[in-house]
Structures are given as structure tokens and as C-alpha cells.
Amino acid sequence: MAISLYDASVGTYLQLITSTLSVLDKARVFCEENGRSVESLLDDALCDDMFPLSFQLRSVVHHSLGCIKGLEKGLFTPPTPETLTFDELYQRIVDAKTTLEAVEPQSVNGLADNPMMFKMTGVELPFTAENFVMSFSLPNFYFHTSMVYALLRKAGVPIGKVDFLGPMKMG
């Protein structure tokens, strides 16, 4: 059975957005129990040359809901820089989840084979909708959700692999 564009994209985004919200909830509790400001987590990075947690969280939204919006327009660009609080980032992820839950499968599946362009300064990469999702959006989405998990784990938040996986599709 072939998997639909909707299932590959929105289905995956919803699973890991749900898990991201769960690990953020655990991070909030961990910080409260250990006298640490949850805001202090936002500047954590794995290495000096990597973006911090705040960027990873914005990218979770950008490479999920932003992908679907990009597919509708036929254009995807990098996110604009901005500074948000933990609660604002959390709410963005909640809003992305709510919006993605309302997306109709036929609206995404109807975009199959459409041209899709990734543009950033000096770079234009042409894709089809499916190739964009499978070779650009999903790998980026997995990367950023993994970084959220890794950064929270590094900070001491008691989470494990099952927390990262979230609600799996059974059957």
C-alpha cells in the first residue's frame, strides 16, 4: 500500500509535535522542581556553532505547518529571526498542532506532483511536492525535533526515547 502525501507529512508532523509538547511539559516541571528558569533552556545549544533550543522549537513549526503552507503556495523560504519566550514558543507549537489537525487529507494529497521551490539568498532548489516533503521537509523536521529532545536531555530533563516517539500509529 502506498502512503499518501498527507500521511507522510501531516501524519508525521502531528506525531512528533505531540511528543515535542510532551517533552516541553516535562521540561517545565523539571525546571520548577529544580529551581531553574525554563527560559534559561532557550539559549542552550549542543555546540557553539549550533543554533539554540529557541531556534530548534521555531524550526519544528516552520518545517511542519510551514511546509504545508509552502506546498499550498509552491514556495518555501527559511524562517525569519525572532526572539520568543518559552510560553510563546510552546503556544506556537500548540497552534501548529491545532491547525494541522484541521487540514483535510484531500487538500494535501491534491498538491501531489505540484512544483515546489525552496528559495533563500542566492539559492533556488526546484522540487515536486512529494520530493520536497520526503527529501527536505521531513529530514529537517526530524533533525529539529531530535535537537529539542537532545537539548532537553542534556539539560537533565528526565525523558527517554518513548517520549521522543510520541503517539505511534498502531495496527
N, C-alpha and C. Protein backbone atom coordinates (compact mmCIF):
# COMPACT_ATOMS: atom_id res chain seq x y z
N MET A 1 0.84 -1.18 0.00
CA MET A 1 0.00 0.00 0.00
C MET A 1 0.89 1.24 0.00
N ALA A 2 0.62 2.14 -0.89
CA ALA A 2 1.36 3.40 -0.96
C ALA A 2 0.85 4.34 0.13
N ILE A 3 1.78 5.07 0.71
CA ILE A 3 1.40 6.06 1.73
C ILE A 3 1.09 7.38 1.02
N SER A 4 0.08 8.06 1.50
CA SER A 4 -0.33 9.31 0.87
C SER A 4 0.59 10.45 1.30
N LEU A 5 0.58 11.51 0.53
CA LEU A 5 1.36 12.70 0.87
C LEU A 5 0.90 13.26 2.22
N TYR A 6 -0.39 13.21 2.47
CA TYR A 6 -0.92 13.68 3.75
C TYR A 6 -0.36 12.85 4.91
N ASP A 7 -0.43 11.53 4.78
CA ASP A 7 0.05 10.66 5.86
C ASP A 7 1.54 10.84 6.10
N ALA A 8 2.31 10.97 5.01
CA ALA A 8 3.76 11.14 5.15
C ALA A 8 4.10 12.46 5.82
N SER A 9 3.35 13.50 5.51
CA SER A 9 3.66 14.82 6.06
C SER A 9 2.87 15.10 7.33
N VAL A 10 1.62 15.41 7.21
CA VAL A 10 0.81 15.82 8.36
C VAL A 10 0.77 14.73 9.43
N GLY A 11 0.62 13.48 9.03
CA GLY A 11 0.60 12.39 10.00
C GLY A 11 1.87 12.34 10.83
N THR A 12 3.00 12.51 10.17
CA THR A 12 4.29 12.51 10.88
C THR A 12 4.43 13.76 11.74
N TYR A 13 4.08 14.91 11.18
CA TYR A 13 4.20 16.15 11.94
C TYR A 13 3.40 16.08 13.24
N LEU A 14 2.18 15.58 13.15
CA LEU A 14 1.34 15.52 14.35
C LEU A 14 1.90 14.59 15.41
N GLN A 15 2.46 13.47 15.00
CA GLN A 15 3.04 12.54 15.97
C GLN A 15 4.16 13.22 16.75
N LEU A 16 5.09 13.86 16.05
CA LEU A 16 6.24 14.43 16.73
C LEU A 16 5.98 15.79 17.35
N ILE A 17 5.00 16.52 16.85
CA ILE A 17 4.61 17.76 17.53
C ILE A 17 4.00 17.41 18.88
N THR A 18 3.19 16.36 18.91
CA THR A 18 2.60 15.90 20.18
C THR A 18 3.70 15.51 21.16
N SER A 19 4.71 14.80 20.68
CA SER A 19 5.80 14.40 21.57
C SER A 19 6.62 15.61 22.00
N THR A 20 6.79 16.58 21.12
CA THR A 20 7.54 17.79 21.47
C THR A 20 6.83 18.55 22.58
N LEU A 21 5.52 18.66 22.47
CA LEU A 21 4.77 19.33 23.54
C LEU A 21 4.90 18.57 24.86
N SER A 22 4.89 17.27 24.79
CA SER A 22 5.03 16.45 26.00
C SER A 22 6.40 16.65 26.65
N VAL A 23 7.47 16.67 25.86
CA VAL A 23 8.80 16.86 26.47
C VAL A 23 8.96 18.29 26.99
N LEU A 24 8.30 19.24 26.36
CA LEU A 24 8.32 20.61 26.88
C LEU A 24 7.58 20.71 28.21
N ASP A 25 6.48 19.97 28.33
CA ASP A 25 5.77 19.92 29.61
C ASP A 25 6.68 19.34 30.69
N LYS A 26 7.39 18.28 30.36
CA LYS A 26 8.32 17.67 31.32
C LYS A 26 9.47 18.61 31.66
N ALA A 27 9.90 19.40 30.67
CA ALA A 27 10.97 20.37 30.92
C ALA A 27 10.49 21.45 31.90
N ARG A 28 9.26 21.88 31.73
CA ARG A 28 8.71 22.91 32.64
C ARG A 28 8.67 22.38 34.07
N VAL A 29 8.17 21.17 34.25
CA VAL A 29 8.09 20.55 35.59
C VAL A 29 9.50 20.37 36.16
N PHE A 30 10.41 19.88 35.35
CA PHE A 30 11.80 19.68 35.79
C PHE A 30 12.40 20.99 36.28
N CYS A 31 12.20 22.05 35.52
CA CYS A 31 12.76 23.35 35.92
C CYS A 31 12.13 23.84 37.22
N GLU A 32 10.82 23.71 37.35
CA GLU A 32 10.15 24.13 38.58
C GLU A 32 10.67 23.35 39.79
N GLU A 33 10.85 22.04 39.62
CA GLU A 33 11.32 21.19 40.72
C GLU A 33 12.78 21.44 41.08
N ASN A 34 13.55 21.97 40.13
CA ASN A 34 14.99 22.16 40.35
C ASN A 34 15.40 23.63 40.44
N GLY A 35 14.44 24.52 40.59
CA GLY A 35 14.74 25.93 40.77
C GLY A 35 15.44 26.57 39.59
N ARG A 36 15.17 26.08 38.42
CA ARG A 36 15.77 26.64 37.21
C ARG A 36 14.68 27.33 36.40
N SER A 37 15.02 28.44 35.81
CA SER A 37 14.09 29.14 34.93
C SER A 37 13.96 28.37 33.63
N VAL A 38 12.72 28.12 33.22
CA VAL A 38 12.50 27.44 31.95
C VAL A 38 13.04 28.29 30.79
N GLU A 39 13.05 29.59 30.98
CA GLU A 39 13.58 30.50 29.95
C GLU A 39 15.06 30.24 29.70
N SER A 40 15.78 29.83 30.74
CA SER A 40 17.22 29.61 30.60
C SER A 40 17.53 28.46 29.64
N LEU A 41 16.58 27.56 29.42
CA LEU A 41 16.79 26.46 28.48
C LEU A 41 16.89 26.94 27.04
N LEU A 42 16.25 28.06 26.75
CA LEU A 42 16.13 28.53 25.37
C LEU A 42 17.46 28.86 24.72
N ASP A 43 18.46 29.20 25.52
CA ASP A 43 19.78 29.54 24.96
C ASP A 43 20.72 28.35 24.89
N ASP A 44 20.28 27.19 25.40
CA ASP A 44 21.13 26.00 25.37
C ASP A 44 21.35 25.53 23.93
N ALA A 45 22.58 25.15 23.65
CA ALA A 45 22.94 24.58 22.34
C ALA A 45 23.88 23.41 22.58
N LEU A 46 23.93 22.49 21.63
CA LEU A 46 24.82 21.34 21.78
C LEU A 46 26.28 21.74 21.57
N CYS A 47 26.51 22.68 20.67
CA CYS A 47 27.86 23.16 20.34
C CYS A 47 27.79 24.66 20.11
N ASP A 48 28.93 25.31 20.18
CA ASP A 48 28.97 26.76 19.98
C ASP A 48 28.49 27.18 18.59
N ASP A 49 28.67 26.31 17.60
CA ASP A 49 28.29 26.70 16.24
C ASP A 49 26.92 26.16 15.83
N MET A 50 26.11 25.73 16.80
CA MET A 50 24.75 25.27 16.51
C MET A 50 23.74 26.26 17.10
N PHE A 51 22.57 26.27 16.48
CA PHE A 51 21.50 27.13 16.98
C PHE A 51 20.95 26.58 18.30
N PRO A 52 20.46 27.48 19.17
CA PRO A 52 19.96 27.07 20.49
C PRO A 52 18.55 26.48 20.41
N LEU A 53 18.09 26.03 21.57
CA LEU A 53 16.77 25.43 21.68
C LEU A 53 15.68 26.32 21.10
N SER A 54 15.74 27.61 21.34
CA SER A 54 14.70 28.51 20.83
C SER A 54 14.56 28.38 19.31
N PHE A 55 15.69 28.32 18.59
CA PHE A 55 15.65 28.15 17.14
C PHE A 55 15.09 26.78 16.77
N GLN A 56 15.49 25.75 17.50
CA GLN A 56 15.01 24.40 17.21
C GLN A 56 13.49 24.33 17.34
N LEU A 57 12.95 24.99 18.35
CA LEU A 57 11.50 24.99 18.55
C LEU A 57 10.78 25.75 17.44
N ARG A 58 11.32 26.89 17.05
CA ARG A 58 10.72 27.63 15.93
C ARG A 58 10.77 26.80 14.65
N SER A 59 11.84 26.04 14.49
CA SER A 59 12.02 25.23 13.29
C SER A 59 11.07 24.03 13.25
N VAL A 60 10.68 23.52 14.41
CA VAL A 60 9.67 22.45 14.46
C VAL A 60 8.39 22.94 13.78
N VAL A 61 7.98 24.16 14.10
CA VAL A 61 6.79 24.74 13.49
C VAL A 61 7.04 25.03 12.01
N HIS A 62 8.19 25.60 11.72
CA HIS A 62 8.48 26.01 10.34
C HIS A 62 8.53 24.81 9.39
N HIS A 63 9.08 23.69 9.85
CA HIS A 63 9.21 22.53 8.97
C HIS A 63 8.02 21.57 9.07
N SER A 64 6.95 22.00 9.70
CA SER A 64 5.72 21.20 9.74
C SER A 64 4.60 22.04 9.13
N LEU A 65 3.99 22.89 9.92
CA LEU A 65 2.94 23.75 9.40
C LEU A 65 3.47 24.62 8.26
N GLY A 66 4.69 25.12 8.41
CA GLY A 66 5.28 25.93 7.35
C GLY A 66 5.44 25.17 6.04
N CYS A 67 5.71 23.88 6.15
CA CYS A 67 5.82 23.05 4.94
C CYS A 67 4.48 22.98 4.23
N ILE A 68 3.42 22.72 4.97
CA ILE A 68 2.09 22.61 4.36
C ILE A 68 1.69 23.94 3.72
N LYS A 69 1.94 25.03 4.41
CA LYS A 69 1.66 26.35 3.82
C LYS A 69 2.51 26.58 2.58
N GLY A 70 3.78 26.14 2.63
CA GLY A 70 4.66 26.25 1.48
C GLY A 70 4.17 25.43 0.30
N LEU A 71 3.70 24.22 0.57
CA LEU A 71 3.16 23.38 -0.51
C LEU A 71 1.97 24.06 -1.18
N GLU A 72 1.15 24.73 -0.39
CA GLU A 72 -0.01 25.43 -0.94
C GLU A 72 0.41 26.59 -1.84
N LYS A 73 1.50 27.27 -1.48
CA LYS A 73 2.00 28.41 -2.26
C LYS A 73 2.96 27.99 -3.36
N GLY A 74 3.56 26.80 -3.20
CA GLY A 74 4.59 26.37 -4.15
C GLY A 74 5.95 26.99 -3.84
N LEU A 75 6.09 27.56 -2.62
CA LEU A 75 7.32 28.25 -2.25
C LEU A 75 7.59 28.07 -0.76
N PHE A 76 8.85 27.77 -0.44
CA PHE A 76 9.27 27.63 0.96
C PHE A 76 10.55 28.41 1.13
N THR A 77 10.60 29.22 2.19
CA THR A 77 11.78 30.03 2.49
C THR A 77 12.17 29.81 3.95
N PRO A 78 13.41 30.15 4.32
CA PRO A 78 13.83 29.99 5.72
C PRO A 78 12.99 30.88 6.64
N PRO A 79 12.94 30.52 7.92
CA PRO A 79 12.18 31.34 8.87
C PRO A 79 12.88 32.68 9.12
N THR A 80 12.09 33.66 9.47
CA THR A 80 12.68 34.95 9.84
C THR A 80 13.11 34.90 11.30
N PRO A 81 14.23 35.52 11.62
CA PRO A 81 14.69 35.52 13.02
C PRO A 81 13.72 36.28 13.93
N GLU A 82 13.52 35.76 15.11
CA GLU A 82 12.71 36.44 16.12
C GLU A 82 13.03 35.85 17.49
N THR A 83 12.76 36.63 18.50
CA THR A 83 13.01 36.20 19.88
C THR A 83 11.67 36.00 20.55
N LEU A 84 11.46 34.78 21.07
CA LEU A 84 10.21 34.45 21.73
C LEU A 84 10.49 33.82 23.09
N THR A 85 9.53 33.94 23.99
CA THR A 85 9.65 33.32 25.31
C THR A 85 9.30 31.83 25.18
N PHE A 86 9.57 31.10 26.24
CA PHE A 86 9.22 29.68 26.28
C PHE A 86 7.72 29.51 26.05
N ASP A 87 6.91 30.29 26.76
CA ASP A 87 5.45 30.18 26.61
C ASP A 87 5.00 30.54 25.20
N GLU A 88 5.61 31.54 24.59
CA GLU A 88 5.25 31.90 23.21
C GLU A 88 5.62 30.78 22.23
N LEU A 89 6.78 30.19 22.42
CA LEU A 89 7.19 29.08 21.56
C LEU A 89 6.26 27.88 21.76
N TYR A 90 5.94 27.58 23.00
CA TYR A 90 5.03 26.49 23.31
C TYR A 90 3.69 26.72 22.61
N GLN A 91 3.18 27.93 22.73
CA GLN A 91 1.88 28.25 22.11
C GLN A 91 1.95 28.15 20.59
N ARG A 92 3.05 28.52 19.99
CA ARG A 92 3.20 28.37 18.54
C ARG A 92 3.09 26.90 18.13
N ILE A 93 3.67 26.04 18.94
CA ILE A 93 3.62 24.60 18.64
C ILE A 93 2.20 24.09 18.83
N VAL A 94 1.52 24.53 19.88
CA VAL A 94 0.11 24.17 20.10
C VAL A 94 -0.72 24.63 18.90
N ASP A 95 -0.52 25.87 18.48
CA ASP A 95 -1.28 26.41 17.36
C ASP A 95 -1.00 25.64 16.06
N ALA A 96 0.26 25.27 15.86
CA ALA A 96 0.60 24.48 14.66
C ALA A 96 -0.11 23.14 14.70
N LYS A 97 -0.13 22.51 15.86
CA LYS A 97 -0.81 21.22 16.01
C LYS A 97 -2.29 21.36 15.71
N THR A 98 -2.92 22.37 16.28
CA THR A 98 -4.35 22.60 16.06
C THR A 98 -4.64 22.84 14.58
N THR A 99 -3.82 23.65 13.94
CA THR A 99 -4.02 23.93 12.52
C THR A 99 -3.82 22.68 11.67
N LEU A 100 -2.77 21.92 11.97
CA LEU A 100 -2.52 20.69 11.21
C LEU A 100 -3.62 19.66 11.42
N GLU A 101 -4.19 19.59 12.61
CA GLU A 101 -5.29 18.66 12.87
C GLU A 101 -6.51 18.99 12.01
N ALA A 102 -6.65 20.25 11.62
CA ALA A 102 -7.80 20.67 10.81
C ALA A 102 -7.56 20.51 9.31
N VAL A 103 -6.34 20.19 8.91
CA VAL A 103 -6.03 20.04 7.49
C VAL A 103 -6.71 18.78 6.96
N GLU A 104 -7.40 18.93 5.86
CA GLU A 104 -8.09 17.80 5.23
C GLU A 104 -7.11 17.01 4.36
N PRO A 105 -7.13 15.68 4.48
CA PRO A 105 -6.21 14.86 3.67
C PRO A 105 -6.26 15.19 2.18
N GLN A 106 -7.45 15.37 1.63
CA GLN A 106 -7.55 15.62 0.20
C GLN A 106 -6.91 16.94 -0.21
N SER A 107 -6.84 17.91 0.71
CA SER A 107 -6.21 19.18 0.35
C SER A 107 -4.70 19.02 0.18
N VAL A 108 -4.09 18.16 1.00
CA VAL A 108 -2.65 17.90 0.86
C VAL A 108 -2.40 16.93 -0.29
N ASN A 109 -3.17 15.87 -0.35
CA ASN A 109 -2.99 14.89 -1.42
C ASN A 109 -3.20 15.52 -2.79
N GLY A 110 -4.05 16.53 -2.86
CA GLY A 110 -4.30 17.23 -4.12
C GLY A 110 -3.11 18.06 -4.59
N LEU A 111 -2.13 18.26 -3.73
CA LEU A 111 -0.94 19.03 -4.09
C LEU A 111 0.15 18.15 -4.70
N ALA A 112 -0.08 16.84 -4.71
CA ALA A 112 0.91 15.90 -5.25
C ALA A 112 1.27 16.29 -6.68
N ASP A 113 2.55 16.16 -6.98
CA ASP A 113 3.12 16.47 -8.30
C ASP A 113 3.23 17.96 -8.59
N ASN A 114 2.73 18.81 -7.69
CA ASN A 114 2.86 20.25 -7.92
C ASN A 114 4.32 20.66 -7.78
N PRO A 115 4.72 21.70 -8.52
CA PRO A 115 6.09 22.21 -8.34
C PRO A 115 6.22 22.90 -6.99
N MET A 116 7.40 22.79 -6.43
CA MET A 116 7.70 23.39 -5.12
C MET A 116 9.10 23.97 -5.20
N MET A 117 9.25 25.22 -4.81
CA MET A 117 10.55 25.89 -4.87
C MET A 117 11.01 26.25 -3.46
N PHE A 118 12.26 25.88 -3.16
CA PHE A 118 12.90 26.36 -1.94
C PHE A 118 13.79 27.52 -2.35
N LYS A 119 13.61 28.68 -1.70
CA LYS A 119 14.42 29.86 -2.02
C LYS A 119 15.02 30.44 -0.75
N MET A 120 16.30 30.72 -0.83
CA MET A 120 16.96 31.55 0.17
C MET A 120 18.03 32.33 -0.57
N THR A 121 18.63 33.27 0.06
CA THR A 121 19.58 34.15 -0.60
C THR A 121 20.56 33.37 -1.47
N GLY A 122 20.48 33.62 -2.77
CA GLY A 122 21.40 33.00 -3.71
C GLY A 122 21.15 31.55 -4.03
N VAL A 123 20.07 30.95 -3.50
CA VAL A 123 19.80 29.53 -3.73
C VAL A 123 18.34 29.35 -4.12
N GLU A 124 18.13 28.60 -5.18
CA GLU A 124 16.79 28.17 -5.57
C GLU A 124 16.86 26.69 -5.88
N LEU A 125 16.05 25.91 -5.17
CA LEU A 125 16.03 24.46 -5.38
C LEU A 125 14.63 24.04 -5.80
N PRO A 126 14.48 23.56 -7.04
CA PRO A 126 13.16 23.13 -7.50
C PRO A 126 12.87 21.68 -7.08
N PHE A 127 11.67 21.45 -6.60
CA PHE A 127 11.22 20.13 -6.17
C PHE A 127 9.82 19.88 -6.74
N THR A 128 9.36 18.66 -6.61
CA THR A 128 7.92 18.38 -6.65
C THR A 128 7.47 18.38 -5.20
N ALA A 129 6.17 18.46 -4.98
CA ALA A 129 5.66 18.47 -3.60
C ALA A 129 6.15 17.25 -2.82
N GLU A 130 6.05 16.05 -3.45
CA GLU A 130 6.47 14.83 -2.76
C GLU A 130 7.96 14.83 -2.44
N ASN A 131 8.77 15.22 -3.41
CA ASN A 131 10.22 15.25 -3.19
C ASN A 131 10.61 16.27 -2.13
N PHE A 132 9.90 17.38 -2.09
CA PHE A 132 10.18 18.38 -1.06
C PHE A 132 9.88 17.81 0.32
N VAL A 133 8.72 17.19 0.46
CA VAL A 133 8.34 16.61 1.76
C VAL A 133 9.34 15.53 2.17
N MET A 134 9.59 14.60 1.26
CA MET A 134 10.39 13.42 1.62
C MET A 134 11.89 13.71 1.75
N SER A 135 12.43 14.61 0.95
CA SER A 135 13.89 14.80 0.98
C SER A 135 14.34 16.10 1.63
N PHE A 136 13.43 17.00 1.92
CA PHE A 136 13.82 18.26 2.56
C PHE A 136 13.06 18.49 3.87
N SER A 137 11.75 18.53 3.79
CA SER A 137 10.95 18.88 4.96
C SER A 137 11.06 17.86 6.08
N LEU A 138 10.79 16.60 5.78
CA LEU A 138 10.85 15.59 6.84
C LEU A 138 12.23 15.45 7.46
N PRO A 139 13.32 15.38 6.66
CA PRO A 139 14.64 15.31 7.31
C PRO A 139 14.91 16.52 8.22
N ASN A 140 14.53 17.72 7.78
CA ASN A 140 14.70 18.90 8.63
C ASN A 140 13.83 18.82 9.88
N PHE A 141 12.60 18.39 9.71
CA PHE A 141 11.68 18.26 10.84
C PHE A 141 12.22 17.27 11.87
N TYR A 142 12.68 16.11 11.40
CA TYR A 142 13.26 15.13 12.31
C TYR A 142 14.51 15.68 13.00
N PHE A 143 15.33 16.39 12.26
CA PHE A 143 16.54 16.97 12.84
C PHE A 143 16.18 17.91 14.00
N HIS A 144 15.26 18.83 13.75
CA HIS A 144 14.94 19.83 14.77
C HIS A 144 14.20 19.23 15.97
N THR A 145 13.31 18.27 15.73
CA THR A 145 12.67 17.61 16.87
C THR A 145 13.69 16.81 17.67
N SER A 146 14.65 16.20 16.98
CA SER A 146 15.71 15.46 17.68
C SER A 146 16.58 16.41 18.51
N MET A 147 16.86 17.58 17.97
CA MET A 147 17.67 18.54 18.72
C MET A 147 16.94 19.04 19.96
N VAL A 148 15.61 19.24 19.85
CA VAL A 148 14.84 19.62 21.03
C VAL A 148 14.99 18.55 22.10
N TYR A 149 14.80 17.31 21.71
CA TYR A 149 14.94 16.19 22.65
C TYR A 149 16.35 16.17 23.25
N ALA A 150 17.37 16.25 22.39
CA ALA A 150 18.76 16.16 22.86
C ALA A 150 19.11 17.30 23.81
N LEU A 151 18.68 18.50 23.49
CA LEU A 151 18.99 19.64 24.35
C LEU A 151 18.31 19.53 25.71
N LEU A 152 17.07 19.08 25.71
CA LEU A 152 16.38 18.91 26.99
C LEU A 152 16.99 17.78 27.80
N ARG A 153 17.36 16.73 27.11
CA ARG A 153 18.01 15.59 27.79
C ARG A 153 19.35 16.05 28.38
N LYS A 154 20.11 16.81 27.60
CA LYS A 154 21.40 17.33 28.06
C LYS A 154 21.23 18.22 29.29
N ALA A 155 20.10 18.95 29.35
CA ALA A 155 19.82 19.84 30.49
C ALA A 155 19.39 19.06 31.73
N GLY A 156 19.15 17.76 31.58
CA GLY A 156 18.78 16.93 32.72
C GLY A 156 17.32 16.57 32.80
N VAL A 157 16.53 17.01 31.83
CA VAL A 157 15.10 16.69 31.85
C VAL A 157 14.96 15.17 31.71
N PRO A 158 14.19 14.53 32.61
CA PRO A 158 14.08 13.07 32.59
C PRO A 158 13.14 12.58 31.48
N ILE A 159 13.68 12.46 30.29
CA ILE A 159 12.93 11.98 29.13
C ILE A 159 13.71 10.85 28.48
N GLY A 160 13.01 10.03 27.74
CA GLY A 160 13.63 8.91 27.05
C GLY A 160 13.10 8.78 25.63
N LYS A 161 13.53 7.73 24.97
CA LYS A 161 13.19 7.53 23.56
C LYS A 161 11.68 7.48 23.33
N VAL A 162 10.94 6.85 24.22
CA VAL A 162 9.49 6.76 24.06
C VAL A 162 8.87 8.16 24.09
N ASP A 163 9.45 9.05 24.90
CA ASP A 163 8.97 10.44 24.92
C ASP A 163 9.16 11.09 23.56
N PHE A 164 10.28 10.82 22.90
CA PHE A 164 10.54 11.38 21.58
C PHE A 164 9.57 10.82 20.55
N LEU A 165 9.31 9.53 20.60
CA LEU A 165 8.47 8.89 19.58
C LEU A 165 7.03 9.37 19.61
N GLY A 166 6.52 9.68 20.79
CA GLY A 166 5.13 10.15 20.88
C GLY A 166 4.13 9.07 20.55
N PRO A 167 2.91 9.51 20.22
CA PRO A 167 1.82 8.55 19.97
C PRO A 167 1.99 7.84 18.62
N MET A 168 2.44 6.60 18.67
CA MET A 168 2.69 5.85 17.44
C MET A 168 1.40 5.33 16.84
N LYS A 169 1.41 5.16 15.53
CA LYS A 169 0.24 4.59 14.83
C LYS A 169 0.35 3.08 14.91
N MET A 170 -0.62 2.47 15.51
CA MET A 170 -0.59 1.01 15.69
C MET A 170 -1.53 0.33 14.71
N GLY A 171 -1.29 -0.93 14.50
CA GLY A 171 -2.17 -1.73 13.66
C GLY A 171 -1.69 -1.86 12.26
